[in-house]
PDB file of N, CA and C in Angstrom:
ATOM      1  N   MET A   1    -131.902 -20.787 -24.837  1.00  0.00           N
ATOM      2  CA  MET A   1    -133.055 -21.426 -25.426  1.00  0.00           C
ATOM      3  C   MET A   1    -133.814 -20.445 -26.324  1.00  0.00           C
ATOM      4  N   PHE A   2    -134.036 -19.218 -25.848  1.00  0.00           N
ATOM      5  CA  PHE A   2    -134.770 -18.237 -26.640  1.00  0.00           C
ATOM      6  C   PHE A   2    -133.860 -17.298 -27.416  1.00  0.00           C
ATOM      7  N   GLY A   3    -132.589 -17.295 -27.070  1.00  0.00           N
ATOM      8  CA  GLY A   3    -131.630 -16.489 -27.809  1.00  0.00           C
ATOM      9  C   GLY A   3    -131.727 -15.009 -27.489  1.00  0.00           C
ATOM     10  N   ILE A   4    -131.332 -14.207 -28.465  1.00  0.00           N
ATOM     11  CA  ILE A   4    -131.287 -12.763 -28.277  1.00  0.00           C
ATOM     12  C   ILE A   4    -132.687 -12.178 -28.107  1.00  0.00           C
ATOM     13  N   THR A   5    -133.677 -12.798 -28.727  1.00  0.00           N
ATOM     14  CA  THR A   5    -135.051 -12.315 -28.585  1.00  0.00           C
ATOM     15  C   THR A   5    -135.532 -12.453 -27.150  1.00  0.00           C
ATOM     16  N   GLY A   6    -135.200 -13.558 -26.511  1.00  0.00           N
ATOM     17  CA  GLY A   6    -135.580 -13.745 -25.111  1.00  0.00           C
ATOM     18  C   GLY A   6    -134.916 -12.738 -24.203  1.00  0.00           C
ATOM     19  N   ILE A   7    -133.664 -12.399 -24.484  1.00  0.00           N
ATOM     20  CA  ILE A   7    -132.963 -11.405 -23.672  1.00  0.00           C
ATOM     21  C   ILE A   7    -133.599 -10.031 -23.849  1.00  0.00           C
ATOM     22  N   ILE A   8    -133.929  -9.672 -25.083  1.00  0.00           N
ATOM     23  CA  ILE A   8    -134.550  -8.369 -25.343  1.00  0.00           C
ATOM     24  C   ILE A   8    -135.924  -8.295 -24.685  1.00  0.00           C
ATOM     25  N   ILE A   9    -136.735  -9.334 -24.840  1.00  0.00           N
ATOM     26  CA  ILE A   9    -138.062  -9.347 -24.221  1.00  0.00           C
ATOM     27  C   ILE A   9    -137.938  -9.340 -22.701  1.00  0.00           C
ATOM     28  N   GLY A  10    -136.941 -10.035 -22.153  1.00  0.00           N
ATOM     29  CA  GLY A  10    -136.718 -10.034 -20.713  1.00  0.00           C
ATOM     30  C   GLY A  10    -136.393  -8.645 -20.193  1.00  0.00           C
ATOM     31  N   ILE A  11    -135.541  -7.916 -20.914  1.00  0.00           N
ATOM     32  CA  ILE A  11    -135.206  -6.549 -20.507  1.00  0.00           C
ATOM     33  C   ILE A  11    -136.428  -5.646 -20.570  1.00  0.00           C
ATOM     34  N   ILE A  12    -137.228  -5.794 -21.628  1.00  0.00           N
ATOM     35  CA  ILE A  12    -138.450  -4.993 -21.757  1.00  0.00           C
ATOM     36  C   ILE A  12    -139.416  -5.306 -20.618  1.00  0.00           C
ATOM     37  N   LEU A  13    -139.563  -6.585 -20.264  1.00  0.00           N
ATOM     38  CA  LEU A  13    -140.460  -6.951 -19.172  1.00  0.00           C
ATOM     39  C   LEU A  13    -139.974  -6.405 -17.832  1.00  0.00           C
ATOM     40  N   ILE A  14    -138.678  -6.421 -17.615  1.00  0.00           N
ATOM     41  CA  ILE A  14    -138.149  -5.871 -16.366  1.00  0.00           C
ATOM     42  C   ILE A  14    -138.401  -4.369 -16.296  1.00  0.00           C
ATOM     43  N   ILE A  15    -138.196  -3.661 -17.394  1.00  0.00           N
ATOM     44  CA  ILE A  15    -138.447  -2.217 -17.408  1.00  0.00           C
ATOM     45  C   ILE A  15    -139.932  -1.938 -17.180  1.00  0.00           C
ATOM     46  N   LEU A  16    -140.810  -2.674 -17.850  1.00  0.00           N
ATOM     47  CA  LEU A  16    -142.245  -2.499 -17.624  1.00  0.00           C
ATOM     48  C   LEU A  16    -142.633  -2.809 -16.181  1.00  0.00           C
ATOM     49  N   GLY A  17    -142.044  -3.855 -15.630  1.00  0.00           N
ATOM     50  CA  GLY A  17    -142.332  -4.201 -14.240  1.00  0.00           C
ATOM     51  C   GLY A  17    -141.929  -3.104 -13.279  1.00  0.00           C
ATOM     52  N   ILE A  18    -140.748  -2.520 -13.507  1.00  0.00           N
ATOM     53  CA  ILE A  18    -140.308  -1.415 -12.648  1.00  0.00           C
ATOM     54  C   ILE A  18    -141.233  -0.216 -12.807  1.00  0.00           C
ATOM     55  N   LEU A  19    -141.638   0.075 -14.032  1.00  0.00           N
ATOM     56  CA  LEU A  19    -142.563   1.191 -14.247  1.00  0.00           C
ATOM     57  C   LEU A  19    -143.904   0.944 -13.566  1.00  0.00           C
ATOM     58  N   PHE A  20    -144.411  -0.289 -13.639  1.00  0.00           N
ATOM     59  CA  PHE A  20    -145.677  -0.614 -12.982  1.00  0.00           C
ATOM     60  C   PHE A  20    -145.577  -0.442 -11.477  1.00  0.00           C
ATOM     61  N   VAL A  21    -144.480  -0.897 -10.894  1.00  0.00           N
ATOM     62  CA  VAL A  21    -144.343  -0.850  -9.440  1.00  0.00           C
ATOM     63  C   VAL A  21    -144.113   0.584  -8.963  1.00  0.00           C
ATOM     64  N   VAL A  22    -143.347   1.374  -9.720  1.00  0.00           N
ATOM     65  CA  VAL A  22    -142.964   2.699  -9.233  1.00  0.00           C
ATOM     66  C   VAL A  22    -143.983   3.772  -9.596  1.00  0.00           C
ATOM     67  N   PHE A  23    -144.460   3.782 -10.837  1.00  0.00           N
ATOM     68  CA  PHE A  23    -145.240   4.925 -11.299  1.00  0.00           C
ATOM     69  C   PHE A  23    -146.750   4.746 -11.283  1.00  0.00           C
ATOM     70  N   LEU A  24    -147.265   3.541 -11.377  1.00  0.00           N
ATOM     71  CA  LEU A  24    -148.704   3.386 -11.529  1.00  0.00           C
ATOM     72  C   LEU A  24    -149.517   3.246 -10.243  1.00  0.00           C
ATOM     73  N   PRO A  25    -148.951   2.855  -9.113  1.00  0.00           N
ATOM     74  CA  PRO A  25    -149.796   2.775  -7.917  1.00  0.00           C
ATOM     75  C   PRO A  25    -150.343   4.152  -7.539  1.00  0.00           C
ATOM     76  N   GLY A  26    -151.607   4.189  -7.190  1.00  0.00           N
ATOM     77  CA  GLY A  26    -152.264   5.451  -6.863  1.00  0.00           C
ATOM     78  C   GLY A  26    -152.163   5.787  -5.397  1.00  0.00           C
ATOM     79  N   THR A  27    -151.032   6.283  -4.981  1.00  0.00           N
ATOM     80  CA  THR A  27    -150.873   6.691  -3.590  1.00  0.00           C
ATOM     81  C   THR A  27    -151.116   8.188  -3.480  1.00  0.00           C
ATOM     82  N   SER A  28    -151.559   8.623  -2.340  1.00  0.00           N
ATOM     83  CA  SER A  28    -151.830  10.045  -2.141  1.00  0.00           C
ATOM     84  C   SER A  28    -150.713  10.716  -1.358  1.00  0.00           C
ATOM     85  N   HIS A  29    -149.476  10.201  -1.433  1.00  0.00           N
ATOM     86  CA  HIS A  29    -148.354  10.790  -0.717  1.00  0.00           C
ATOM     87  C   HIS A  29    -147.805  12.015  -1.449  1.00  0.00           C
ATOM     88  N   GLY A  30    -148.074  12.123  -2.725  1.00  0.00           N
ATOM     89  CA  GLY A  30    -147.576  13.264  -3.489  1.00  0.00           C
ATOM     90  C   GLY A  30    -148.469  14.478  -3.293  1.00  0.00           C
ATOM     91  N   LYS A  31    -148.142  15.535  -3.996  1.00  0.00           N
ATOM     92  CA  LYS A  31    -148.912  16.768  -3.875  1.00  0.00           C
ATOM     93  C   LYS A  31    -150.216  16.704  -4.663  1.00  0.00           C
ATOM     94  N   LEU A  32    -150.220  15.989  -5.774  1.00  0.00           N
ATOM     95  CA  LEU A  32    -151.434  15.887  -6.575  1.00  0.00           C
ATOM     96  C   LEU A  32    -152.256  14.685  -6.116  1.00  0.00           C
ATOM     97  N   PRO A  33    -153.536  14.866  -5.900  1.00  0.00           N
ATOM     98  CA  PRO A  33    -154.355  13.716  -5.482  1.00  0.00           C
ATOM     99  C   PRO A  33    -154.581  12.761  -6.646  1.00  0.00           C
ATOM    100  N   THR A  34    -154.622  11.493  -6.345  1.00  0.00           N
ATOM    101  CA  THR A  34    -154.913  10.494  -7.375  1.00  0.00           C
ATOM    102  C   THR A  34    -156.278   9.891  -7.083  1.00  0.00           C
ATOM    103  N   TYR A  35    -156.970   9.553  -8.129  1.00  0.00           N
ATOM    104  CA  TYR A  35    -158.323   9.027  -7.998  1.00  0.00           C
ATOM    105  C   TYR A  35    -158.380   7.565  -8.397  1.00  0.00           C
ATOM    106  N   GLN A  36    -157.298   6.881  -8.204  1.00  0.00           N
ATOM    107  CA  GLN A  36    -157.220   5.482  -8.582  1.00  0.00           C
ATOM    108  C   GLN A  36    -157.619   4.618  -7.391  1.00  0.00           C
ATOM    109  N   PRO A  37    -158.513   3.660  -7.582  1.00  0.00           N
ATOM    110  CA  PRO A  37    -158.913   2.803  -6.466  1.00  0.00           C
ATOM    111  C   PRO A  37    -157.762   1.961  -5.937  1.00  0.00           C
ATOM    112  N   GLN A  38    -157.881   1.534  -4.699  1.00  0.00           N
ATOM    113  CA  GLN A  38    -156.832   0.748  -4.056  1.00  0.00           C
ATOM    114  C   GLN A  38    -156.611  -0.584  -4.780  1.00  0.00           C
ATOM    115  N   GLU A  39    -157.660  -1.172  -5.358  1.00  0.00           N
ATOM    116  CA  GLU A  39    -157.519  -2.460  -6.046  1.00  0.00           C
ATOM    117  C   GLU A  39    -156.605  -2.337  -7.256  1.00  0.00           C
ATOM    118  N   PHE A  40    -156.682  -1.219  -7.968  1.00  0.00           N
ATOM    119  CA  PHE A  40    -155.813  -1.023  -9.118  1.00  0.00           C
ATOM    120  C   PHE A  40    -154.363  -0.928  -8.681  1.00  0.00           C
ATOM    121  N   SER A  41    -154.115  -0.283  -7.547  1.00  0.00           N
ATOM    122  CA  SER A  41    -152.749  -0.159  -7.057  1.00  0.00           C
ATOM    123  C   SER A  41    -152.156  -1.529  -6.772  1.00  0.00           C
ATOM    124  N   ILE A  42    -152.915  -2.363  -6.086  1.00  0.00           N
ATOM    125  CA  ILE A  42    -152.427  -3.706  -5.757  1.00  0.00           C
ATOM    126  C   ILE A  42    -152.220  -4.518  -7.028  1.00  0.00           C
ATOM    127  N   THR A  43    -153.124  -4.385  -7.982  1.00  0.00           N
ATOM    128  CA  THR A  43    -153.005  -5.118  -9.247  1.00  0.00           C
ATOM    129  C   THR A  43    -151.740  -4.721  -9.996  1.00  0.00           C
ATOM    130  N   PHE A  44    -151.458  -3.414 -10.077  1.00  0.00           N
ATOM    131  CA  PHE A  44    -150.270  -2.967 -10.803  1.00  0.00           C
ATOM    132  C   PHE A  44    -148.990  -3.398 -10.107  1.00  0.00           C
ATOM    133  N   ILE A  45    -148.981  -3.406  -8.773  1.00  0.00           N
ATOM    134  CA  ILE A  45    -147.783  -3.849  -8.056  1.00  0.00           C
ATOM    135  C   ILE A  45    -147.540  -5.337  -8.303  1.00  0.00           C
ATOM    136  N   VAL A  46    -148.596  -6.142  -8.233  1.00  0.00           N
ATOM    137  CA  VAL A  46    -148.446  -7.584  -8.458  1.00  0.00           C
ATOM    138  C   VAL A  46    -148.030  -7.860  -9.896  1.00  0.00           C
ATOM    139  N   MET A  47    -148.644  -7.166 -10.865  1.00  0.00           N
ATOM    140  CA  MET A  47    -148.264  -7.356 -12.263  1.00  0.00           C
ATOM    141  C   MET A  47    -146.808  -6.951 -12.496  1.00  0.00           C
ATOM    142  N   GLY A  48    -146.373  -5.864 -11.863  1.00  0.00           N
ATOM    143  CA  GLY A  48    -144.991  -5.427 -12.001  1.00  0.00           C
ATOM    144  C   GLY A  48    -144.015  -6.456 -11.465  1.00  0.00           C
ATOM    145  N   ILE A  49    -144.326  -7.027 -10.317  1.00  0.00           N
ATOM    146  CA  ILE A  49    -143.444  -8.049  -9.745  1.00  0.00           C
ATOM    147  C   ILE A  49    -143.409  -9.282 -10.636  1.00  0.00           C
ATOM    148  N   ILE A  50    -144.561  -9.674 -11.172  1.00  0.00           N
ATOM    149  CA  ILE A  50    -144.605 -10.838 -12.069  1.00  0.00           C
ATOM    150  C   ILE A  50    -143.799 -10.563 -13.339  1.00  0.00           C
ATOM    151  N   PHE A  51    -143.928  -9.348 -13.905  1.00  0.00           N
ATOM    152  CA  PHE A  51    -143.156  -9.001 -15.097  1.00  0.00           C
ATOM    153  C   PHE A  51    -141.659  -9.049 -14.813  1.00  0.00           C
ATOM    154  N   ILE A  52    -141.238  -8.550 -13.642  1.00  0.00           N
ATOM    155  CA  ILE A  52    -139.812  -8.563 -13.296  1.00  0.00           C
ATOM    156  C   ILE A  52    -139.305  -9.998 -13.183  1.00  0.00           C
ATOM    157  N   ILE A  53    -140.090 -10.861 -12.555  1.00  0.00           N
ATOM    158  CA  ILE A  53    -139.674 -12.262 -12.390  1.00  0.00           C
ATOM    159  C   ILE A  53    -139.592 -12.970 -13.742  1.00  0.00           C
ATOM    160  N   ILE A  54    -140.612 -12.804 -14.583  1.00  0.00           N
ATOM    161  CA  ILE A  54    -140.600 -13.452 -15.902  1.00  0.00           C
ATOM    162  C   ILE A  54    -139.456 -12.907 -16.759  1.00  0.00           C
ATOM    163  N   GLY A  55    -139.219 -11.585 -16.697  1.00  0.00           N
ATOM    164  CA  GLY A  55    -138.108 -11.010 -17.442  1.00  0.00           C
ATOM    165  C   GLY A  55    -136.766 -11.558 -16.992  1.00  0.00           C
ATOM    166  N   ALA A  56    -136.593 -11.714 -15.678  1.00  0.00           N
ATOM    167  CA  ALA A  56    -135.334 -12.262 -15.166  1.00  0.00           C
ATOM    168  C   ALA A  56    -135.152 -13.715 -15.607  1.00  0.00           C
ATOM    169  N   ILE A  57    -136.231 -14.487 -15.612  1.00  0.00           N
ATOM    170  CA  ILE A  57    -136.147 -15.877 -16.068  1.00  0.00           C
ATOM    171  C   ILE A  57    -135.784 -15.930 -17.541  1.00  0.00           C
ATOM    172  N   LEU A  58    -136.381 -15.063 -18.367  1.00  0.00           N
ATOM    173  CA  LEU A  58    -136.059 -15.054 -19.791  1.00  0.00           C
ATOM    174  C   LEU A  58    -134.593 -14.679 -20.030  1.00  0.00           C
ATOM    175  N   ILE A  59    -134.092 -13.706 -19.264  1.00  0.00           N
ATOM    176  CA  ILE A  59    -132.695 -13.326 -19.431  1.00  0.00           C
ATOM    177  C   ILE A  59    -131.780 -14.470 -18.982  1.00  0.00           C
ATOM    178  N   PHE A  60    -132.126 -15.120 -17.894  1.00  0.00           N
ATOM    179  CA  PHE A  60    -131.291 -16.212 -17.379  1.00  0.00           C
ATOM    180  C   PHE A  60    -131.289 -17.400 -18.338  1.00  0.00           C
ATOM    181  N   VAL A  61    -132.451 -17.736 -18.903  1.00  0.00           N
ATOM    182  CA  VAL A  61    -132.558 -18.867 -19.817  1.00  0.00           C
ATOM    183  C   VAL A  61    -131.938 -18.509 -21.170  1.00  0.00           C
ATOM    184  N   GLY A  62    -132.122 -17.257 -21.594  1.00  0.00           N
ATOM    185  CA  GLY A  62    -131.615 -16.841 -22.896  1.00  0.00           C
ATOM    186  C   GLY A  62    -130.134 -16.769 -22.901  1.00  0.00           C
TER     187      GLY A  62
END
């Protein structure tokens, strides 16, 4: 339905979703302390999951 553009945008959304879920949550498990509030962490995880789902749908439909 969306063609090659939908596939490209789907791949970009999946990559962004993975980056949001893996790199942006502010956890203090690492050596450097993070000053990010807990609400931002939850927001980035939810946005990442939504991006992954939308990207997968675009790739499947495209």
